[in-house]
Amino acid sequence: MRIISRSIIRKFCEKHSDAASALERWYSLMKNAEITSFVELRELFSTADRVGKYIVFNIGGNKYRLISHIHFNTKTVYIREIFTHEEYDKNQWKE
């Protein structure tokens, strides 16, 4: 999968260094995956959920949320944003 953009991960890790290893693991697994559907994605990431047009990943033992938009047909993952659990729960990202 092609992931756009890794810089979002880097910026988030500057503020939340404890998330770095979990986000790097997610990045590595996603980059090397050959996923063609949400069902296949759930086989690799069992906690991934659809929320509207986005797919949300639980990162770091449910401590962080990575919001993405995935085009399975072009094998492209767009990272919209990464939040702490508390920030995500405010639901402001849905606006």
PDB file of N, CA and C in Angstrom:
ATOM      1  N   MET A   1       0.843  -1.170   0.000  1.00  0.00           N
ATOM      2  CA  MET A   1       0.000   0.000   0.000  1.00  0.00           C
ATOM      3  C   MET A   1       0.896   1.243   0.000  1.00  0.00           C
ATOM      4  N   ARG A   2       0.426   2.255  -0.663  1.00  0.00           N
ATOM      5  CA  ARG A   2       1.115   3.551  -0.647  1.00  0.00           C
ATOM      6  C   ARG A   2       0.457   4.406   0.430  1.00  0.00           C
ATOM      7  N   ILE A   3       1.282   4.981   1.302  1.00  0.00           N
ATOM      8  CA  ILE A   3       0.751   5.729   2.433  1.00  0.00           C
ATOM      9  C   ILE A   3       1.108   7.210   2.288  1.00  0.00           C
ATOM     10  N   ILE A   4       0.086   8.039   2.371  1.00  0.00           N
ATOM     11  CA  ILE A   4       0.256   9.488   2.272  1.00  0.00           C
ATOM     12  C   ILE A   4      -0.333  10.084   3.548  1.00  0.00           C
ATOM     13  N   SER A   5       0.324  10.673   4.386  1.00  0.00           N
ATOM     14  CA  SER A   5       1.694  11.091   4.348  1.00  0.00           C
ATOM     15  C   SER A   5       2.366  10.706   5.661  1.00  0.00           C
ATOM     16  N   ARG A   6       3.560  10.214   5.542  1.00  0.00           N
ATOM     17  CA  ARG A   6       4.308   9.781   6.728  1.00  0.00           C
ATOM     18  C   ARG A   6       4.656  10.958   7.646  1.00  0.00           C
ATOM     19  N   SER A   7       4.697  12.151   7.074  1.00  0.00           N
ATOM     20  CA  SER A   7       5.034  13.323   7.889  1.00  0.00           C
ATOM     21  C   SER A   7       4.015  13.555   9.007  1.00  0.00           C
ATOM     22  N   ILE A   8       2.774  13.143   8.819  1.00  0.00           N
ATOM     23  CA  ILE A   8       1.771  13.264   9.881  1.00  0.00           C
ATOM     24  C   ILE A   8       2.171  12.395  11.069  1.00  0.00           C
ATOM     25  N   ILE A   9       2.687  11.216  10.771  1.00  0.00           N
ATOM     26  CA  ILE A   9       3.163  10.321  11.837  1.00  0.00           C
ATOM     27  C   ILE A   9       4.344  10.958  12.561  1.00  0.00           C
ATOM     28  N   ARG A  10       5.290  11.485  11.798  1.00  0.00           N
ATOM     29  CA  ARG A  10       6.475  12.103  12.412  1.00  0.00           C
ATOM     30  C   ARG A  10       6.096  13.267  13.321  1.00  0.00           C
ATOM     31  N   LYS A  11       5.204  14.128  12.840  1.00  0.00           N
ATOM     32  CA  LYS A  11       4.792  15.290  13.635  1.00  0.00           C
ATOM     33  C   LYS A  11       4.082  14.858  14.916  1.00  0.00           C
ATOM     34  N   PHE A  12       3.233  13.843  14.813  1.00  0.00           N
ATOM     35  CA  PHE A  12       2.537  13.367  15.997  1.00  0.00           C
ATOM     36  C   PHE A  12       3.521  12.796  17.009  1.00  0.00           C
ATOM     37  N   CYS A  13       4.511  12.066  16.531  1.00  0.00           N
ATOM     38  CA  CYS A  13       5.496  11.450  17.424  1.00  0.00           C
ATOM     39  C   CYS A  13       6.392  12.482  18.101  1.00  0.00           C
ATOM     40  N   GLU A  14       6.531  13.669  17.516  1.00  0.00           N
ATOM     41  CA  GLU A  14       7.285  14.735  18.172  1.00  0.00           C
ATOM     42  C   GLU A  14       6.608  15.146  19.472  1.00  0.00           C
ATOM     43  N   LYS A  15       5.274  15.142  19.492  1.00  0.00           N
ATOM     44  CA  LYS A  15       4.519  15.505  20.696  1.00  0.00           C
ATOM     45  C   LYS A  15       4.268  14.305  21.604  1.00  0.00           C
ATOM     46  N   HIS A  16       4.162  13.135  21.009  1.00  0.00           N
ATOM     47  CA  HIS A  16       3.805  11.912  21.746  1.00  0.00           C
ATOM     48  C   HIS A  16       4.826  10.820  21.418  1.00  0.00           C
ATOM     49  N   SER A  17       5.998  10.938  21.988  1.00  0.00           N
ATOM     50  CA  SER A  17       7.084  10.012  21.661  1.00  0.00           C
ATOM     51  C   SER A  17       6.753   8.563  22.017  1.00  0.00           C
ATOM     52  N   ASP A  18       5.879   8.366  23.000  1.00  0.00           N
ATOM     53  CA  ASP A  18       5.507   6.998  23.379  1.00  0.00           C
ATOM     54  C   ASP A  18       4.689   6.296  22.291  1.00  0.00           C
ATOM     55  N   ALA A  19       4.195   7.041  21.305  1.00  0.00           N
ATOM     56  CA  ALA A  19       3.414   6.453  20.220  1.00  0.00           C
ATOM     57  C   ALA A  19       4.295   5.990  19.055  1.00  0.00           C
ATOM     58  N   ALA A  20       5.559   6.365  19.067  1.00  0.00           N
ATOM     59  CA  ALA A  20       6.432   6.134  17.924  1.00  0.00           C
ATOM     60  C   ALA A  20       6.525   4.666  17.516  1.00  0.00           C
ATOM     61  N   SER A  21       6.773   3.770  18.439  1.00  0.00           N
ATOM     62  CA  SER A  21       6.957   2.367  18.055  1.00  0.00           C
ATOM     63  C   SER A  21       5.661   1.761  17.521  1.00  0.00           C
ATOM     64  N   ALA A  22       4.534   2.101  18.126  1.00  0.00           N
ATOM     65  CA  ALA A  22       3.244   1.565  17.651  1.00  0.00           C
ATOM     66  C   ALA A  22       2.900   2.116  16.266  1.00  0.00           C
ATOM     67  N   LEU A  23       3.167   3.395  16.035  1.00  0.00           N
ATOM     68  CA  LEU A  23       2.874   3.982  14.720  1.00  0.00           C
ATOM     69  C   LEU A  23       3.821   3.454  13.653  1.00  0.00           C
ATOM     70  N   GLU A  24       5.073   3.237  14.002  1.00  0.00           N
ATOM     71  CA  GLU A  24       6.015   2.659  13.038  1.00  0.00           C
ATOM     72  C   GLU A  24       5.617   1.222  12.690  1.00  0.00           C
ATOM     73  N   ARG A  25       5.134   0.498  13.675  1.00  0.00           N
ATOM     74  CA  ARG A  25       4.658  -0.870  13.410  1.00  0.00           C
ATOM     75  C   ARG A  25       3.453  -0.838  12.472  1.00  0.00           C
ATOM     76  N   TRP A  26       2.490   0.068  12.739  1.00  0.00           N
ATOM     77  CA  TRP A  26       1.330   0.208  11.869  1.00  0.00           C
ATOM     78  C   TRP A  26       1.778   0.556  10.453  1.00  0.00           C
ATOM     79  N   TYR A  27       2.696   1.517  10.346  1.00  0.00           N
ATOM     80  CA  TYR A  27       3.189   1.951   9.037  1.00  0.00           C
ATOM     81  C   TYR A  27       3.831   0.791   8.272  1.00  0.00           C
ATOM     82  N   SER A  28       4.676   0.051   8.932  1.00  0.00           N
ATOM     83  CA  SER A  28       5.363  -1.071   8.294  1.00  0.00           C
ATOM     84  C   SER A  28       4.382  -2.146   7.834  1.00  0.00           C
ATOM     85  N   LEU A  29       3.447  -2.520   8.710  1.00  0.00           N
ATOM     86  CA  LEU A  29       2.452  -3.530   8.336  1.00  0.00           C
ATOM     87  C   LEU A  29       1.594  -3.057   7.165  1.00  0.00           C
ATOM     88  N   MET A  30       1.160  -1.813   7.221  1.00  0.00           N
ATOM     89  CA  MET A  30       0.299  -1.288   6.168  1.00  0.00           C
ATOM     90  C   MET A  30       1.045  -1.157   4.841  1.00  0.00           C
ATOM     91  N   LYS A  31       2.258  -0.657   4.894  1.00  0.00           N
ATOM     92  CA  LYS A  31       3.050  -0.464   3.674  1.00  0.00           C
ATOM     93  C   LYS A  31       3.299  -1.781   2.944  1.00  0.00           C
ATOM     94  N   ASN A  32       3.510  -2.844   3.681  1.00  0.00           N
ATOM     95  CA  ASN A  32       3.836  -4.132   3.084  1.00  0.00           C
ATOM     96  C   ASN A  32       2.612  -5.007   2.805  1.00  0.00           C
ATOM     97  N   ALA A  33       1.441  -4.503   3.135  1.00  0.00           N
ATOM     98  CA  ALA A  33       0.214  -5.295   2.971  1.00  0.00           C
ATOM     99  C   ALA A  33      -0.296  -5.260   1.533  1.00  0.00           C
ATOM    100  N   GLU A  34      -0.940  -6.326   1.157  1.00  0.00           N
ATOM    101  CA  GLU A  34      -1.634  -6.426  -0.124  1.00  0.00           C
ATOM    102  C   GLU A  34      -3.116  -6.565   0.182  1.00  0.00           C
ATOM    103  N   ILE A  35      -3.752  -5.470   0.499  1.00  0.00           N
ATOM    104  CA  ILE A  35      -5.139  -5.466   0.950  1.00  0.00           C
ATOM    105  C   ILE A  35      -6.033  -4.943  -0.166  1.00  0.00           C
ATOM    106  N   THR A  36      -7.119  -5.657  -0.434  1.00  0.00           N
ATOM    107  CA  THR A  36      -8.029  -5.230  -1.503  1.00  0.00           C
ATOM    108  C   THR A  36      -9.442  -4.935  -1.005  1.00  0.00           C
ATOM    109  N   SER A  37      -9.674  -5.102   0.308  1.00  0.00           N
ATOM    110  CA  SER A  37     -11.017  -4.850   0.833  1.00  0.00           C
ATOM    111  C   SER A  37     -10.945  -4.593   2.334  1.00  0.00           C
ATOM    112  N   PHE A  38     -12.037  -4.067   2.860  1.00  0.00           N
ATOM    113  CA  PHE A  38     -12.114  -3.825   4.300  1.00  0.00           C
ATOM    114  C   PHE A  38     -12.058  -5.140   5.074  1.00  0.00           C
ATOM    115  N   VAL A  39     -12.635  -6.187   4.520  1.00  0.00           N
ATOM    116  CA  VAL A  39     -12.593  -7.502   5.171  1.00  0.00           C
ATOM    117  C   VAL A  39     -11.150  -7.962   5.343  1.00  0.00           C
ATOM    118  N   GLU A  40     -10.340  -7.807   4.308  1.00  0.00           N
ATOM    119  CA  GLU A  40      -8.929  -8.181   4.401  1.00  0.00           C
ATOM    120  C   GLU A  40      -8.186  -7.280   5.389  1.00  0.00           C
ATOM    121  N   LEU A  41      -8.539  -6.015   5.401  1.00  0.00           N
ATOM    122  CA  LEU A  41      -7.923  -5.093   6.351  1.00  0.00           C
ATOM    123  C   LEU A  41      -8.192  -5.534   7.783  1.00  0.00           C
ATOM    124  N   ARG A  42      -9.415  -5.948   8.064  1.00  0.00           N
ATOM    125  CA  ARG A  42      -9.779  -6.407   9.414  1.00  0.00           C
ATOM    126  C   ARG A  42      -9.026  -7.678   9.809  1.00  0.00           C
ATOM    127  N   GLU A  43      -8.597  -8.468   8.833  1.00  0.00           N
ATOM    128  CA  GLU A  43      -7.794  -9.650   9.149  1.00  0.00           C
ATOM    129  C   GLU A  43      -6.418  -9.231   9.679  1.00  0.00           C
ATOM    130  N   LEU A  44      -5.904  -8.123   9.172  1.00  0.00           N
ATOM    131  CA  LEU A  44      -4.597  -7.623   9.608  1.00  0.00           C
ATOM    132  C   LEU A  44      -4.718  -6.723  10.837  1.00  0.00           C
ATOM    133  N   PHE A  45      -5.750  -5.878  10.869  1.00  0.00           N
ATOM    134  CA  PHE A  45      -5.989  -4.948  11.967  1.00  0.00           C
ATOM    135  C   PHE A  45      -7.409  -5.177  12.483  1.00  0.00           C
ATOM    136  N   SER A  46      -7.544  -6.061  13.442  1.00  0.00           N
ATOM    137  CA  SER A  46      -8.876  -6.475  13.905  1.00  0.00           C
ATOM    138  C   SER A  46      -9.666  -5.348  14.561  1.00  0.00           C
ATOM    139  N   THR A  47      -8.986  -4.292  15.020  1.00  0.00           N
ATOM    140  CA  THR A  47      -9.700  -3.199  15.681  1.00  0.00           C
ATOM    141  C   THR A  47     -10.040  -2.044  14.735  1.00  0.00           C
ATOM    142  N   ALA A  48      -9.718  -2.185  13.454  1.00  0.00           N
ATOM    143  CA  ALA A  48     -10.050  -1.130  12.491  1.00  0.00           C
ATOM    144  C   ALA A  48     -11.567  -1.033  12.356  1.00  0.00           C
ATOM    145  N   ASP A  49     -12.060   0.199  12.310  1.00  0.00           N
ATOM    146  CA  ASP A  49     -13.501   0.430  12.193  1.00  0.00           C
ATOM    147  C   ASP A  49     -13.785   1.452  11.112  1.00  0.00           C
ATOM    148  N   ARG A  50     -14.925   1.273  10.465  1.00  0.00           N
ATOM    149  CA  ARG A  50     -15.419   2.292   9.533  1.00  0.00           C
ATOM    150  C   ARG A  50     -16.203   3.314  10.346  1.00  0.00           C
ATOM    151  N   VAL A  51     -15.876   4.574  10.134  1.00  0.00           N
ATOM    152  CA  VAL A  51     -16.616   5.674  10.748  1.00  0.00           C
ATOM    153  C   VAL A  51     -16.909   6.650   9.606  1.00  0.00           C
ATOM    154  N   GLY A  52     -18.121   6.582   9.088  1.00  0.00           N
ATOM    155  CA  GLY A  52     -18.449   7.366   7.908  1.00  0.00           C
ATOM    156  C   GLY A  52     -17.600   6.915   6.740  1.00  0.00           C
ATOM    157  N   LYS A  53     -16.950   7.864   6.077  1.00  0.00           N
ATOM    158  CA  LYS A  53     -16.103   7.526   4.929  1.00  0.00           C
ATOM    159  C   LYS A  53     -14.661   7.207   5.333  1.00  0.00           C
ATOM    160  N   TYR A  54     -14.391   7.216   6.622  1.00  0.00           N
ATOM    161  CA  TYR A  54     -13.039   6.986   7.114  1.00  0.00           C
ATOM    162  C   TYR A  54     -12.889   5.609   7.741  1.00  0.00           C
ATOM    163  N   ILE A  55     -11.628   5.198   7.845  1.00  0.00           N
ATOM    164  CA  ILE A  55     -11.292   3.991   8.598  1.00  0.00           C
ATOM    165  C   ILE A  55     -10.415   4.437   9.754  1.00  0.00           C
ATOM    166  N   VAL A  56     -10.801   4.032  10.955  1.00  0.00           N
ATOM    167  CA  VAL A  56     -10.121   4.443  12.178  1.00  0.00           C
ATOM    168  C   VAL A  56      -9.382   3.239  12.758  1.00  0.00           C
ATOM    169  N   PHE A  57      -8.108   3.465  13.073  1.00  0.00           N
ATOM    170  CA  PHE A  57      -7.271   2.428  13.662  1.00  0.00           C
ATOM    171  C   PHE A  57      -6.991   2.779  15.118  1.00  0.00           C
ATOM    172  N   ASN A  58      -7.084   1.797  15.992  1.00  0.00           N
ATOM    173  CA  ASN A  58      -6.642   1.944  17.381  1.00  0.00           C
ATOM    174  C   ASN A  58      -5.143   1.684  17.394  1.00  0.00           C
ATOM    175  N   ILE A  59      -4.400   2.603  17.954  1.00  0.00           N
ATOM    176  CA  ILE A  59      -2.942   2.509  17.966  1.00  0.00           C
ATOM    177  C   ILE A  59      -2.465   2.531  19.416  1.00  0.00           C
ATOM    178  N   GLY A  60      -1.446   1.750  19.690  1.00  0.00           N
ATOM    179  CA  GLY A  60      -0.823   1.791  21.023  1.00  0.00           C
ATOM    180  C   GLY A  60      -1.738   1.331  22.125  1.00  0.00           C
ATOM    181  N   GLY A  61      -2.409   0.217  21.922  1.00  0.00           N
ATOM    182  CA  GLY A  61      -3.290  -0.313  22.962  1.00  0.00           C
ATOM    183  C   GLY A  61      -4.481   0.573  23.234  1.00  0.00           C
ATOM    184  N   ASN A  62      -5.035   1.157  22.170  1.00  0.00           N
ATOM    185  CA  ASN A  62      -6.239   1.979  22.263  1.00  0.00           C
ATOM    186  C   ASN A  62      -5.964   3.358  22.851  1.00  0.00           C
ATOM    187  N   LYS A  63      -4.695   3.761  22.897  1.00  0.00           N
ATOM    188  CA  LYS A  63      -4.320   5.059  23.448  1.00  0.00           C
ATOM    189  C   LYS A  63      -4.434   6.171  22.393  1.00  0.00           C
ATOM    190  N   TYR A  64      -4.277   5.805  21.125  1.00  0.00           N
ATOM    191  CA  TYR A  64      -4.299   6.766  20.027  1.00  0.00           C
ATOM    192  C   TYR A  64      -5.232   6.269  18.926  1.00  0.00           C
ATOM    193  N   ARG A  65      -5.660   7.218  18.081  1.00  0.00           N
ATOM    194  CA  ARG A  65      -6.515   6.899  16.944  1.00  0.00           C
ATOM    195  C   ARG A  65      -5.902   7.487  15.676  1.00  0.00           C
ATOM    196  N   LEU A  66      -5.746   6.653  14.669  1.00  0.00           N
ATOM    197  CA  LEU A  66      -5.281   7.100  13.370  1.00  0.00           C
ATOM    198  C   LEU A  66      -6.475   7.093  12.434  1.00  0.00           C
ATOM    199  N   ILE A  67      -6.803   8.267  11.873  1.00  0.00           N
ATOM    200  CA  ILE A  67      -7.942   8.419  10.976  1.00  0.00           C
ATOM    201  C   ILE A  67      -7.405   8.375   9.551  1.00  0.00           C
ATOM    202  N   SER A  68      -7.977   7.514   8.737  1.00  0.00           N
ATOM    203  CA  SER A  68      -7.484   7.371   7.367  1.00  0.00           C
ATOM    204  C   SER A  68      -8.638   7.241   6.377  1.00  0.00           C
ATOM    205  N   HIS A  69      -8.294   7.463   5.139  1.00  0.00           N
ATOM    206  CA  HIS A  69      -9.209   7.204   4.038  1.00  0.00           C
ATOM    207  C   HIS A  69      -8.448   6.262   3.116  1.00  0.00           C
ATOM    208  N   ILE A  70      -9.015   5.105   2.831  1.00  0.00           N
ATOM    209  CA  ILE A  70      -8.300   4.092   2.051  1.00  0.00           C
ATOM    210  C   ILE A  70      -9.017   3.853   0.732  1.00  0.00           C
ATOM    211  N   HIS A  71      -8.237   3.906  -0.341  1.00  0.00           N
ATOM    212  CA  HIS A  71      -8.724   3.538  -1.670  1.00  0.00           C
ATOM    213  C   HIS A  71      -8.137   2.156  -1.970  1.00  0.00           C
ATOM    214  N   PHE A  72      -8.931   1.130  -1.765  1.00  0.00           N
ATOM    215  CA  PHE A  72      -8.441  -0.231  -1.962  1.00  0.00           C
ATOM    216  C   PHE A  72      -8.099  -0.497  -3.427  1.00  0.00           C
ATOM    217  N   ASN A  73      -8.847   0.122  -4.347  1.00  0.00           N
ATOM    218  CA  ASN A  73      -8.607  -0.123  -5.768  1.00  0.00           C
ATOM    219  C   ASN A  73      -7.258   0.417  -6.237  1.00  0.00           C
ATOM    220  N   THR A  74      -6.780   1.501  -5.639  1.00  0.00           N
ATOM    221  CA  THR A  74      -5.473   2.050  -6.019  1.00  0.00           C
ATOM    222  C   THR A  74      -4.400   1.743  -4.974  1.00  0.00           C
ATOM    223  N   LYS A  75      -4.787   1.016  -3.927  1.00  0.00           N
ATOM    224  CA  LYS A  75      -3.864   0.633  -2.853  1.00  0.00           C
ATOM    225  C   LYS A  75      -3.186   1.867  -2.234  1.00  0.00           C
ATOM    226  N   THR A  76      -4.018   2.866  -1.915  1.00  0.00           N
ATOM    227  CA  THR A  76      -3.522   4.121  -1.357  1.00  0.00           C
ATOM    228  C   THR A  76      -4.215   4.412  -0.035  1.00  0.00           C
ATOM    229  N   VAL A  77      -3.406   4.757   0.959  1.00  0.00           N
ATOM    230  CA  VAL A  77      -3.904   5.117   2.285  1.00  0.00           C
ATOM    231  C   VAL A  77      -3.577   6.586   2.516  1.00  0.00           C
ATOM    232  N   TYR A  78      -4.601   7.369   2.787  1.00  0.00           N
ATOM    233  CA  TYR A  78      -4.417   8.775   3.121  1.00  0.00           C
ATOM    234  C   TYR A  78      -4.628   8.930   4.622  1.00  0.00           C
ATOM    235  N   ILE A  79      -3.584   9.354   5.323  1.00  0.00           N
ATOM    236  CA  ILE A  79      -3.717   9.600   6.757  1.00  0.00           C
ATOM    237  C   ILE A  79      -4.324  10.993   6.909  1.00  0.00           C
ATOM    238  N   ARG A  80      -5.496  11.052   7.503  1.00  0.00           N
ATOM    239  CA  ARG A  80      -6.144  12.353   7.723  1.00  0.00           C
ATOM    240  C   ARG A  80      -5.578  13.021   8.958  1.00  0.00           C
ATOM    241  N   GLU A  81      -5.508  12.247  10.049  1.00  0.00           N
ATOM    242  CA  GLU A  81      -5.009  12.813  11.299  1.00  0.00           C
ATOM    243  C   GLU A  81      -4.804  11.696  12.316  1.00  0.00           C
ATOM    244  N   ILE A  82      -4.022  12.006  13.341  1.00  0.00           N
ATOM    245  CA  ILE A  82      -3.821  11.094  14.458  1.00  0.00           C
ATOM    246  C   ILE A  82      -4.187  11.868  15.724  1.00  0.00           C
ATOM    247  N   PHE A  83      -4.935  11.216  16.604  1.00  0.00           N
ATOM    248  CA  PHE A  83      -5.393  11.849  17.839  1.00  0.00           C
ATOM    249  C   PHE A  83      -5.071  10.976  19.036  1.00  0.00           C
ATOM    250  N   THR A  84      -5.007  11.620  20.196  1.00  0.00           N
ATOM    251  CA  THR A  84      -5.049  10.844  21.423  1.00  0.00           C
ATOM    252  C   THR A  84      -6.492  10.358  21.561  1.00  0.00           C
ATOM    253  N   HIS A  85      -6.701   9.393  22.422  1.00  0.00           N
ATOM    254  CA  HIS A  85      -8.053   8.882  22.638  1.00  0.00           C
ATOM    255  C   HIS A  85      -8.982  10.013  23.094  1.00  0.00           C
ATOM    256  N   GLU A  86      -8.493  10.870  23.975  1.00  0.00           N
ATOM    257  CA  GLU A  86      -9.307  11.969  24.501  1.00  0.00           C
ATOM    258  C   GLU A  86      -9.693  12.957  23.405  1.00  0.00           C
ATOM    259  N   GLU A  87      -8.740  13.303  22.533  1.00  0.00           N
ATOM    260  CA  GLU A  87      -9.030  14.222  21.425  1.00  0.00           C
ATOM    261  C   GLU A  87     -10.054  13.612  20.470  1.00  0.00           C
ATOM    262  N   TYR A  88      -9.878  12.347  20.181  1.00  0.00           N
ATOM    263  CA  TYR A  88     -10.788  11.646  19.271  1.00  0.00           C
ATOM    264  C   TYR A  88     -12.211  11.646  19.814  1.00  0.00           C
ATOM    265  N   ASP A  89     -12.358  11.426  21.101  1.00  0.00           N
ATOM    266  CA  ASP A  89     -13.679  11.349  21.717  1.00  0.00           C
ATOM    267  C   ASP A  89     -14.461  12.655  21.654  1.00  0.00           C
ATOM    268  N   LYS A  90     -13.793  13.760  21.410  1.00  0.00           N
ATOM    269  CA  LYS A  90     -14.480  15.051  21.283  1.00  0.00           C
ATOM    270  C   LYS A  90     -15.269  15.154  19.975  1.00  0.00           C
ATOM    271  N   ASN A  91     -14.984  14.265  19.015  1.00  0.00           N
ATOM    272  CA  ASN A  91     -15.683  14.179  17.728  1.00  0.00           C
ATOM    273  C   ASN A  91     -15.553  15.409  16.846  1.00  0.00           C
ATOM    274  N   GLN A  92     -14.663  16.327  17.144  1.00  0.00           N
ATOM    275  CA  GLN A  92     -14.503  17.518  16.321  1.00  0.00           C
ATOM    276  C   GLN A  92     -13.918  17.190  14.952  1.00  0.00           C
ATOM    277  N   TRP A  93     -13.221  16.102  14.828  1.00  0.00           N
ATOM    278  CA  TRP A  93     -12.595  15.722  13.557  1.00  0.00           C
ATOM    279  C   TRP A  93     -13.651  15.354  12.499  1.00  0.00           C
ATOM    280  N   LYS A  94     -14.851  15.032  12.931  1.00  0.00           N
ATOM    281  CA  LYS A  94     -15.908  14.630  11.996  1.00  0.00           C
ATOM    282  C   LYS A  94     -16.515  15.817  11.255  1.00  0.00           C
ATOM    283  N   GLU A  95     -16.234  17.032  11.711  1.00  0.00           N
ATOM    284  CA  GLU A  95     -16.848  18.221  11.120  1.00  0.00           C
ATOM    285  C   GLU A  95     -16.226  18.593   9.805  1.00  0.00           C
TER     286      GLU A  95
END
